[in-house]
């Protein structure tokens, strides 16, 4: 991870540290939507659209994140911290492999689900447990009592300094979009992915009323709700 820390954090890990499981699943769902792998179905529900492609050559070691899993973006040949959105691949095989949490979310969405249903599905809960375990091993979370460590609070401050809340999508890469949502939650969703977030039930109608999306959407998703317990008692970030 950039910013003077020795641990590389993926957006899903950042979201888990900031806002807990709900925030992490939101970022995973958005990552899939940006790749065209899921879409909003009936109001307040999300569904898978197609299977992901996989790339990678045998014998190539991929960089790992804090949880020890290969980074999907790095598998795709690298990324730019700031730059234009990457072109949509012509074939499924041109896309990199999914990280563990997005893969679990995609598998769970073979049956359309509301956000609370998605978060409760066994494969997603298992992937979240793995994500938490990796962050504990990396020194970012304490198990008992569950809370962020000083290193995690420092990492979040550094990331927020490097990724202020965007005012629009222009000039942001997919990775930038995901990191902004991981760090800023519903405020970033309302700016960067308002239509999908509203139709999928990730944010309430009032959050994006100024954007002209007035269709009613049930609550139950989003990243700005109950904070993950690891943040309790940790002091201000």
Protein backbone atom coordinates (compact mmCIF):
# COMPACT_ATOMS: atom_id res chain seq x y z
CA UNK A 1 0.00 0.00 0.00
CA UNK A 2 1.22 3.51 -0.76
CA UNK A 3 1.53 6.31 1.73
CA UNK A 4 4.42 5.17 3.92
CA UNK A 5 2.92 1.90 5.17
CA UNK A 6 4.31 -1.57 4.54
CA UNK A 7 0.93 -3.30 4.08
CA UNK A 8 -0.93 -3.13 0.80
CA UNK A 9 -4.67 -2.78 1.30
CA UNK A 10 -7.26 -3.58 -1.36
CA UNK A 11 -10.51 -1.56 -1.47
CA UNK A 12 -12.50 -4.40 0.13
CA UNK A 13 -10.05 -4.48 3.05
CA UNK A 14 -10.19 -0.70 3.42
CA UNK A 15 -13.98 -0.83 3.40
CA UNK A 16 -14.01 -3.54 6.06
CA UNK A 17 -11.71 -1.49 8.27
CA UNK A 18 -13.75 1.67 7.82
CA UNK A 19 -17.33 0.46 7.80
CA UNK A 20 -17.44 -3.27 8.49
CA UNK A 21 -18.87 -6.19 6.49
CA UNK A 22 -21.65 -4.18 4.84
CA UNK A 23 -19.16 -1.68 3.44
CA UNK A 24 -16.88 -4.45 2.17
CA UNK A 25 -19.72 -6.26 0.38
CA UNK A 26 -20.86 -2.97 -1.15
CA UNK A 27 -17.41 -2.39 -2.65
CA UNK A 28 -17.31 -5.97 -3.93
CA UNK A 29 -20.72 -5.58 -5.59
CA UNK A 30 -19.65 -2.30 -7.18
CA UNK A 31 -16.44 -3.89 -8.47
CA UNK A 32 -18.51 -6.57 -10.16
CA UNK A 33 -20.93 -4.02 -11.62
CA UNK A 34 -18.05 -2.00 -13.08
CA UNK A 35 -16.88 -5.15 -14.85
CA UNK A 36 -20.35 -5.89 -16.19
CA UNK A 37 -20.71 -9.04 -14.09
CA UNK A 38 -23.73 -7.96 -12.04
CA UNK A 39 -26.55 -5.49 -12.45
CA UNK A 40 -29.52 -4.13 -10.54
CA UNK A 41 -32.57 -6.30 -11.13
CA UNK A 42 -35.96 -5.62 -9.64
CA UNK A 43 -35.85 -2.54 -7.38
CA UNK A 44 -33.64 -3.22 -4.41
CA UNK A 45 -32.15 -6.45 -5.80
CA UNK A 46 -28.90 -7.42 -7.53
CA UNK A 47 -28.28 -10.27 -9.97
CA UNK A 48 -25.33 -11.79 -11.82
CA UNK A 49 -25.23 -11.27 -15.57
CA UNK A 50 -22.43 -13.54 -16.81
CA UNK A 51 -19.38 -15.53 -15.71
CA UNK A 52 -16.05 -13.77 -15.19
CA UNK A 53 -13.06 -14.52 -17.40
CA UNK A 54 -9.67 -15.46 -16.02
CA UNK A 55 -6.21 -14.50 -17.17
CA UNK A 56 -2.71 -15.27 -16.00
CA UNK A 57 0.26 -17.29 -17.15
CA UNK A 58 1.47 -20.43 -15.37
CA UNK A 59 4.39 -19.87 -13.03
CA UNK A 60 3.78 -16.15 -12.57
CA UNK A 61 3.71 -14.97 -8.96
CA UNK A 62 1.08 -12.30 -8.39
CA UNK A 63 1.44 -9.57 -5.74
CA UNK A 64 -0.67 -10.11 -2.66
CA UNK A 65 -2.80 -7.88 -0.50
CA UNK A 66 -2.92 -7.68 3.29
CA UNK A 67 -5.04 -10.84 3.44
CA UNK A 68 -2.48 -12.81 1.42
CA UNK A 69 -4.67 -13.22 -1.66
CA UNK A 70 -3.46 -12.14 -5.11
CA UNK A 71 -4.63 -8.73 -6.24
CA UNK A 72 -7.03 -9.05 -9.16
CA UNK A 73 -5.96 -5.71 -10.63
CA UNK A 74 -2.29 -6.71 -10.54
CA UNK A 75 -3.20 -9.93 -12.30
CA UNK A 76 -4.54 -7.81 -15.11
CA UNK A 77 -1.16 -6.25 -15.84
CA UNK A 78 -0.98 -3.38 -13.38
CA UNK A 79 -2.98 -0.26 -12.75
CA UNK A 80 -2.65 3.50 -12.68
CA UNK A 81 -3.37 5.53 -9.55
CA UNK A 82 -4.84 8.27 -11.71
CA UNK A 83 -5.94 7.84 -15.29
CA UNK A 84 -8.71 7.19 -17.73
CA UNK A 85 -11.08 4.30 -17.22
CA UNK A 86 -9.70 1.14 -18.85
CA UNK A 87 -11.36 -0.01 -22.06
CA UNK A 88 -13.93 -2.78 -21.81
CA UNK A 89 -12.28 -6.05 -22.93
CA UNK A 90 -13.54 -7.61 -26.14
CA UNK A 91 -13.61 -11.07 -24.57
CA UNK A 92 -14.29 -12.49 -21.15
CA UNK A 93 -10.84 -14.10 -21.14
CA UNK A 94 -9.24 -10.65 -21.22
CA UNK A 95 -10.43 -9.91 -17.68
CA UNK A 96 -8.36 -10.68 -14.58
CA UNK A 97 -9.39 -13.18 -11.95
CA UNK A 98 -11.63 -12.01 -9.14
CA UNK A 99 -10.44 -11.55 -5.58
CA UNK A 100 -11.99 -13.84 -2.97
CA UNK A 101 -14.78 -11.55 -1.74
CA UNK A 102 -16.03 -10.41 -5.17
CA UNK A 103 -15.87 -14.02 -6.35
CA UNK A 104 -18.05 -15.10 -3.42
CA UNK A 105 -20.48 -12.24 -4.04
CA UNK A 106 -20.72 -13.12 -7.74
CA UNK A 107 -21.38 -16.78 -6.94
CA UNK A 108 -24.04 -15.79 -4.40
CA UNK A 109 -25.77 -13.56 -6.96
CA UNK A 110 -26.49 -16.44 -9.31
CA UNK A 111 -29.74 -16.21 -7.36
CA UNK A 112 -30.83 -12.53 -7.28
CA UNK A 113 -30.79 -11.06 -3.80
CA UNK A 114 -31.45 -7.93 -1.85
CA UNK A 115 -28.40 -6.51 -0.12
CA UNK A 116 -29.27 -7.95 3.33
CA UNK A 117 -29.87 -11.37 1.73
CA UNK A 118 -26.56 -11.15 -0.10
CA UNK A 119 -24.61 -10.25 3.02
CA UNK A 120 -26.18 -13.19 4.90
CA UNK A 121 -25.39 -15.88 2.30
CA UNK A 122 -22.91 -18.50 3.58
CA UNK A 123 -20.23 -18.06 0.89
CA UNK A 124 -20.17 -14.31 1.42
CA UNK A 125 -19.95 -14.68 5.20
CA UNK A 126 -17.10 -17.15 4.78
CA UNK A 127 -15.23 -14.76 2.48
CA UNK A 128 -15.72 -11.94 4.99
CA UNK A 129 -14.32 -14.15 7.74
CA UNK A 130 -11.26 -14.80 5.60
CA UNK A 131 -10.87 -11.08 4.95
CA UNK A 132 -11.02 -10.34 8.68
CA UNK A 133 -8.54 -13.11 9.48
CA UNK A 134 -6.09 -11.70 6.96
CA UNK A 135 -6.37 -8.22 8.46
CA UNK A 136 -5.78 -9.64 11.94
CA UNK A 137 -2.67 -11.43 10.68
CA UNK A 138 -1.49 -8.19 9.03
CA UNK A 139 -1.81 -6.30 12.31
CA UNK A 140 -4.75 -4.18 11.16
CA UNK A 141 -7.42 -5.71 13.41
CA UNK A 142 -7.49 -7.05 16.94
CA UNK A 143 -9.59 -10.14 17.58
CA UNK A 144 -10.46 -9.53 21.21
CA UNK A 145 -11.83 -7.02 21.68
CA UNK A 146 -12.61 -6.59 17.96
CA UNK A 147 -11.28 -3.20 16.92
CA UNK A 148 -8.96 -1.45 14.51
CA UNK A 149 -5.33 -1.23 15.50
CA UNK A 150 -3.28 1.95 15.57
CA UNK A 151 -1.67 0.84 12.30
CA UNK A 152 -5.11 0.55 10.68
CA UNK A 153 -6.17 3.99 11.87
CA UNK A 154 -2.96 5.46 10.53
CA UNK A 155 -3.40 3.66 7.19
CA UNK A 156 -6.95 4.99 6.83
CA UNK A 157 -5.77 8.55 7.52
CA UNK A 158 -3.05 8.24 4.89
CA UNK A 159 -5.50 6.84 2.34
CA UNK A 160 -8.07 9.56 3.00
CA UNK A 161 -5.39 12.19 2.49
CA UNK A 162 -4.49 10.60 -0.83
CA UNK A 163 -8.09 9.97 -1.93
CA UNK A 164 -10.32 12.92 -1.04
CA UNK A 165 -14.03 12.63 -1.78
CA UNK A 166 -14.39 13.01 -5.58
CA UNK A 167 -16.73 15.55 -7.10
CA UNK A 168 -17.24 13.48 -10.27
CA UNK A 169 -16.17 10.38 -12.19
CA UNK A 170 -14.02 12.11 -14.80
CA UNK A 171 -10.36 11.11 -14.70
CA UNK A 172 -10.83 8.31 -12.18
CA UNK A 173 -9.74 4.74 -12.83
CA UNK A 174 -11.84 1.81 -11.68
CA UNK A 175 -9.45 1.35 -8.76
CA UNK A 176 -9.88 5.00 -7.79
CA UNK A 177 -13.66 4.62 -7.82
CA UNK A 178 -13.53 1.55 -5.60
CA UNK A 179 -11.09 3.13 -3.16
CA UNK A 180 -13.20 6.28 -2.94
CA UNK A 181 -16.29 4.23 -2.07
CA UNK A 182 -14.26 2.16 0.39
CA UNK A 183 -13.09 5.32 2.16
CA UNK A 184 -16.15 7.58 1.89
CA UNK A 185 -19.10 5.20 1.69
CA UNK A 186 -22.48 6.53 0.58
CA UNK A 187 -21.10 10.02 -0.10
CA UNK A 188 -18.87 8.56 -2.82
CA UNK A 189 -21.53 6.16 -4.10
CA UNK A 190 -23.93 9.06 -4.63
CA UNK A 191 -21.34 10.81 -6.80
CA UNK A 192 -19.71 7.91 -8.63
CA UNK A 193 -22.36 5.19 -9.03
CA UNK A 194 -25.67 6.81 -8.12
CA UNK A 195 -27.89 4.97 -10.61
CA UNK A 196 -26.66 1.48 -9.75
CA UNK A 197 -26.55 2.21 -6.02
CA UNK A 198 -30.11 3.48 -6.00
CA UNK A 199 -31.60 0.70 -8.11
CA UNK A 200 -29.70 -1.99 -6.19
CA UNK A 201 -30.83 -0.63 -2.84
CA UNK A 202 -27.33 0.36 -1.70
CA UNK A 203 -28.44 3.90 -0.87
CA UNK A 204 -31.80 5.49 -0.18
CA UNK A 205 -33.64 7.71 -2.66
CA UNK A 206 -32.96 10.85 -0.63
CA UNK A 207 -29.22 10.37 -1.07
CA UNK A 208 -29.39 10.94 -4.83
CA UNK A 209 -32.51 13.06 -5.20
CA UNK A 210 -30.50 15.93 -6.63
CA UNK A 211 -29.29 13.67 -9.42
CA UNK A 212 -32.82 13.17 -10.71
CA UNK A 213 -33.23 9.52 -9.74
CA UNK A 214 -36.59 9.51 -7.97
CA UNK A 215 -37.56 5.87 -8.21
CA UNK A 216 -38.32 4.44 -4.80
CA UNK A 217 -35.80 1.98 -3.42
CA UNK A 218 -35.92 -0.03 -0.20
CA UNK A 219 -33.37 0.52 2.49
CA UNK A 220 -31.15 -2.22 3.79
CA UNK A 221 -27.91 -1.76 1.87
CA UNK A 222 -25.37 0.98 1.75
CA UNK A 223 -22.10 1.66 3.49
CA UNK A 224 -23.07 4.32 5.94
CA UNK A 225 -25.04 2.25 8.45
CA UNK A 226 -23.85 0.43 11.55
CA UNK A 227 -20.10 0.65 11.84
CA UNK A 228 -17.99 -2.48 12.11
CA UNK A 229 -17.23 -3.26 15.71
CA UNK A 230 -13.49 -3.18 15.12
CA UNK A 231 -13.74 0.59 15.10
CA UNK A 232 -15.27 0.80 18.55
CA UNK A 233 -13.13 2.37 21.22
CA UNK A 234 -10.38 3.08 18.77
CA UNK A 235 -10.62 6.86 18.97
CA UNK A 236 -10.90 9.21 16.03
CA UNK A 237 -9.16 8.23 12.85
